[in-house]
C-alpha atoms as a PDB file:
ATOM      1  CA  MET A   1     -43.872 -80.258 106.000  1.00  0.00           C
ATOM      2  CA  ARG A   2     -43.208 -84.259 106.826  1.00  0.00           C
ATOM      3  CA  ILE A   3     -43.218 -86.849 104.659  1.00  0.00           C
ATOM      4  CA  ILE A   4     -45.321 -89.993 105.184  1.00  0.00           C
ATOM      5  CA  SER A   5     -43.922 -93.097 103.424  1.00  0.00           C
ATOM      6  CA  SER A   6     -45.745 -96.021 102.427  1.00  0.00           C
ATOM      7  CA  ASP A   7     -43.399 -98.369 105.269  1.00  0.00           C
ATOM      8  CA  SER A   8     -44.604 -96.175 108.129  1.00  0.00           C
ATOM      9  CA  ILE A   9     -48.575 -96.333 106.651  1.00  0.00           C
ATOM     10  CA  ASP A  10     -48.247 -99.935 106.626  1.00  0.00           C
ATOM     11  CA  LEU A  11     -46.739-100.403 109.957  1.00  0.00           C
ATOM     12  CA  ARG A  12     -49.260 -98.368 111.805  1.00  0.00           C
ATOM     13  CA  ARG A  13     -52.357-100.744 110.336  1.00  0.00           C
ATOM     14  CA  TRP A  14     -49.972-103.754 111.265  1.00  0.00           C
ATOM     15  CA  ARG A  15     -49.856-102.310 114.634  1.00  0.00           C
ATOM     16  CA  THR A  16     -53.556-101.631 114.769  1.00  0.00           C
ATOM     17  CA  GLU A  17     -54.281-105.060 113.634  1.00  0.00           C
ATOM     18  CA  HIS A  18     -52.041-106.947 115.407  1.00  0.00           C
ATOM     19  CA  GLY A  19     -50.972-104.834 118.051  1.00  0.00           C
ATOM     20  CA  GLU A  20     -51.754-105.958 121.343  1.00  0.00           C
ATOM     21  CA  SER A  21     -53.322-103.693 124.251  1.00  0.00           C
ATOM     22  CA  ASN A  22     -51.630-102.790 127.268  1.00  0.00           C
ATOM     23  CA  ARG A  23     -54.606-101.948 129.191  1.00  0.00           C
ATOM     24  CA  GLU A  24     -54.343-105.648 131.298  1.00  0.00           C
ATOM     25  CA  GLN A  25     -50.529-104.832 131.705  1.00  0.00           C
ATOM     26  CA  LEU A  26     -51.727-101.178 132.861  1.00  0.00           C
ATOM     27  CA  GLN A  27     -54.688-102.478 135.209  1.00  0.00           C
ATOM     28  CA  ARG A  28     -51.986-104.730 137.005  1.00  0.00           C
ATOM     29  CA  LEU A  29     -49.413-102.233 137.358  1.00  0.00           C
ATOM     30  CA  LEU A  30     -52.301-100.468 138.908  1.00  0.00           C
ATOM     31  CA  GLU A  31     -53.188-102.618 141.185  1.00  0.00           C
ATOM     32  CA  HIS A  32     -49.898-103.383 142.536  1.00  0.00           C
ATOM     33  CA  LEU A  33     -49.015 -99.510 142.865  1.00  0.00           C
ATOM     34  CA  PRO A  34     -50.052 -99.071 146.136  1.00  0.00           C
ATOM     35  CA  ARG A  35     -48.229-102.077 148.025  1.00  0.00           C
ATOM     36  CA  ALA A  36     -45.170-101.314 146.239  1.00  0.00           C
ATOM     37  CA  MET A  37     -45.336 -98.036 147.084  1.00  0.00           C
ATOM     38  CA  GLU A  38     -46.067 -99.342 150.901  1.00  0.00           C
ATOM     39  CA  GLN A  39     -43.504-101.845 151.000  1.00  0.00           C
ATOM     40  CA  GLU A  40     -40.441-100.774 148.401  1.00  0.00           C
ATOM     41  CA  LEU A  41     -39.933 -96.584 149.352  1.00  0.00           C
ATOM     42  CA  THR A  42     -39.030 -94.879 151.948  1.00  0.00           C
ATOM     43  CA  GLU A  43     -41.516 -92.861 154.078  1.00  0.00           C
ATOM     44  CA  ARG A  44     -39.450 -89.743 152.272  1.00  0.00           C
ATOM     45  CA  GLN A  45     -39.847 -90.903 149.175  1.00  0.00           C
ATOM     46  CA  ARG A  46     -43.474 -91.775 149.479  1.00  0.00           C
ATOM     47  CA  GLN A  47     -44.152 -88.531 150.338  1.00  0.00           C
ATOM     48  CA  VAL A  48     -42.734 -87.086 147.295  1.00  0.00           C
ATOM     49  CA  VAL A  49     -44.040 -89.463 145.057  1.00  0.00           C
ATOM     50  CA  GLU A  50     -47.600 -88.374 146.605  1.00  0.00           C
ATOM     51  CA  MET A  51     -46.968 -84.959 146.095  1.00  0.00           C
ATOM     52  CA  TYR A  52     -45.251 -84.756 142.616  1.00  0.00           C
ATOM     53  CA  PHE A  53     -47.700 -87.223 141.231  1.00  0.00           C
ATOM     54  CA  TYR A  54     -51.032 -87.136 142.731  1.00  0.00           C
ATOM     55  CA  ARG A  55     -51.067 -83.518 143.916  1.00  0.00           C
ATOM     56  CA  ASN A  56     -49.221 -82.248 140.828  1.00  0.00           C
ATOM     57  CA  MET A  57     -46.825 -80.299 142.681  1.00  0.00           C
ATOM     58  CA  SER A  58     -43.411 -79.231 141.392  1.00  0.00           C
ATOM     59  CA  GLU A  59     -40.212 -80.376 142.491  1.00  0.00           C
ATOM     60  CA  VAL A  60     -39.498 -76.402 143.703  1.00  0.00           C
ATOM     61  CA  GLN A  61     -42.528 -76.537 145.518  1.00  0.00           C
ATOM     62  CA  ILE A  62     -42.261 -79.925 147.426  1.00  0.00           C
ATOM     63  CA  ALA A  63     -38.756 -78.424 147.994  1.00  0.00           C
ATOM     64  CA  ARG A  64     -40.610 -75.462 149.861  1.00  0.00           C
ATOM     65  CA  GLU A  65     -43.083 -77.534 151.613  1.00  0.00           C
ATOM     66  CA  LEU A  66     -40.384 -79.984 153.310  1.00  0.00           C
ATOM     67  CA  GLN A  67     -37.872 -77.242 153.609  1.00  0.00           C
ATOM     68  CA  VAL A  68     -34.968 -79.146 151.223  1.00  0.00           C
ATOM     69  CA  ASN A  69     -33.220 -78.273 148.687  1.00  0.00           C
ATOM     70  CA  PRO A  70     -34.961 -78.869 145.089  1.00  0.00           C
ATOM     71  CA  SER A  71     -32.364 -81.377 144.144  1.00  0.00           C
ATOM     72  CA  THR A  72     -32.880 -82.958 147.048  1.00  0.00           C
ATOM     73  CA  VAL A  73     -36.076 -83.514 146.108  1.00  0.00           C
ATOM     74  CA  CYS A  74     -35.315 -84.469 142.356  1.00  0.00           C
ATOM     75  CA  ARG A  75     -32.538 -87.407 143.757  1.00  0.00           C
ATOM     76  CA  THR A  76     -35.462 -88.372 145.978  1.00  0.00           C
ATOM     77  CA  LEU A  77     -37.646 -88.488 142.834  1.00  0.00           C
ATOM     78  CA  GLN A  78     -35.412 -90.812 140.831  1.00  0.00           C
ATOM     79  CA  ARG A  79     -34.613 -92.708 143.516  1.00  0.00           C
ATOM     80  CA  ALA A  80     -38.023 -93.630 143.991  1.00  0.00           C
ATOM     81  CA  THR A  81     -39.250 -94.135 140.827  1.00  0.00           C
ATOM     82  CA  ASN A  82     -36.467 -96.304 139.645  1.00  0.00           C
ATOM     83  CA  ARG A  83     -36.987 -98.281 142.361  1.00  0.00           C
ATOM     84  CA  LEU A  84     -40.746 -98.878 141.713  1.00  0.00           C
ATOM     85  CA  ARG A  85     -39.705 -99.269 138.121  1.00  0.00           C
ATOM     86  CA  ARG A  86     -37.763-102.357 139.145  1.00  0.00           C
ATOM     87  CA  VAL A  87     -40.112-103.723 141.510  1.00  0.00           C
ATOM     88  CA  LEU A  88     -43.099-103.313 139.018  1.00  0.00           C
ATOM     89  CA  LEU A  89     -41.325-104.750 135.964  1.00  0.00           C
ATOM     90  CA  TYR A  90     -42.573-108.376 137.312  1.00  0.00           C
ATOM     91  CA  ALA A  91     -46.407-107.636 138.155  1.00  0.00           C
ATOM     92  CA  VAL A  92     -46.980-106.689 134.708  1.00  0.00           C
END
């Protein structure tokens, strides 16, 4: 059983009343993402990111299609997302 304290209720109320919406940040991020992918990622990184996020393929499915080891796909995806995160941090 989860017990909700009055402190957590007050925090939720404060966030509702004072919290900033991240809608604008998300919009800027989505605007900059295609260019960041094109300019910052290698062709293979871009390919893996598109397969994983846009085509909803698993790492194993991507590995089969590209004929590489799943661990290679995992590392490529990590490097690509880390690079995009660093680059896009300044866009939002």
